[in-house]
Amino acid sequence: MTPVRIVLADDHTIMRHGLRLVLERQPDFAVVGEANNGREAVDLVILETPDVAVIDIAMPLLNGIEAAKRITEER
């Protein structure tokens, strides 16, 4: 089975890394990228085309809600 491809977006490095460690222990999940702000999240999702994007709501440069809206518009 092909693993679920995931992008993580959170401005807290410890949170991103911790979540990545938890997710990568699951054989059906693959974290394909990390972003530390909303703009990076949008760019990364467009580049990597993951199945799932886990996005923090409160991030610098572009909040998670606006990032999700832009991702939806682009994809």
Protein backbone atom coordinates (compact mmCIF):
# COMPACT_ATOMS: atom_id res chain seq x y z
CA MET A 1 0.00 0.00 0.00
CA THR A 2 1.24 3.49 -0.84
CA PRO A 3 1.79 5.60 2.28
CA VAL A 4 -0.28 8.71 2.93
CA ARG A 5 1.92 11.69 2.02
CA ILE A 6 1.78 14.46 4.65
CA VAL A 7 3.03 18.06 4.85
CA LEU A 8 3.37 19.63 8.30
CA ALA A 9 3.10 23.40 8.79
CA ASP A 10 3.72 24.97 12.20
CA ASP A 11 5.93 27.85 13.30
CA HIS A 12 7.02 25.92 16.39
CA THR A 13 9.93 23.69 15.42
CA ILE A 14 9.54 21.38 18.43
CA MET A 15 5.88 20.80 17.60
CA ARG A 16 6.65 19.98 13.94
CA HIS A 17 9.46 17.62 14.82
CA GLY A 18 7.44 15.88 17.52
CA LEU A 19 4.48 15.38 15.23
CA ARG A 20 6.80 14.13 12.49
CA LEU A 21 8.30 11.55 14.85
CA VAL A 22 4.86 10.29 15.85
CA LEU A 23 3.59 10.12 12.27
CA GLU A 24 6.67 8.46 10.81
CA ARG A 25 6.37 5.60 13.27
CA GLN A 26 3.25 4.58 11.39
CA PRO A 27 4.03 2.45 8.33
CA ASP A 28 1.19 3.99 6.30
CA PHE A 29 2.36 7.62 6.73
CA ALA A 30 5.22 9.54 5.09
CA VAL A 31 6.00 13.15 5.99
CA VAL A 32 7.17 14.71 2.71
CA GLY A 33 7.90 18.22 4.00
CA GLU A 34 7.74 20.81 6.75
CA ALA A 35 6.95 24.51 6.63
CA ASN A 36 7.41 27.09 9.38
CA ASN A 37 4.97 29.72 8.08
CA GLY A 38 1.86 29.94 5.94
CA ARG A 39 3.59 31.07 2.75
CA GLU A 40 6.02 28.17 2.93
CA ALA A 41 3.09 25.83 3.53
CA VAL A 42 1.31 26.96 0.36
CA ASP A 43 4.48 26.64 -1.73
CA LEU A 44 5.34 23.25 -0.26
CA VAL A 45 1.88 21.79 -0.82
CA ILE A 46 1.91 22.96 -4.44
CA LEU A 47 5.38 21.47 -4.94
CA GLU A 48 4.93 18.15 -3.12
CA THR A 49 1.19 17.52 -3.76
CA PRO A 50 0.63 15.65 -0.47
CA ASP A 51 -2.52 13.74 0.41
CA VAL A 52 -2.84 15.64 3.71
CA ALA A 53 -1.60 18.98 5.04
CA VAL A 54 -1.57 19.49 8.81
CA ILE A 55 -1.57 23.28 9.22
CA ASP A 56 -1.35 25.35 12.39
CA ILE A 57 -3.91 28.16 12.47
CA ALA A 58 -1.67 30.83 14.03
CA MET A 59 1.48 31.22 11.92
CA PRO A 60 3.49 34.22 10.74
CA LEU A 61 3.36 35.72 7.23
CA LEU A 62 0.10 33.94 6.41
CA ASN A 63 -2.18 32.31 8.97
CA GLY A 64 -3.28 28.70 8.57
CA ILE A 65 -6.82 29.53 7.50
CA GLU A 66 -5.64 31.79 4.68
CA ALA A 67 -2.98 29.25 3.71
CA ALA A 68 -5.66 26.54 3.48
CA LYS A 69 -7.82 28.82 1.32
CA ARG A 70 -4.91 29.48 -1.07
CA ILE A 71 -4.05 25.80 -1.22
CA THR A 72 -7.67 24.98 -2.07
CA GLU A 73 -7.67 27.62 -4.81
CA GLU A 74 -4.41 26.32 -6.28
CA ARG A 75 -5.25 22.63 -6.09
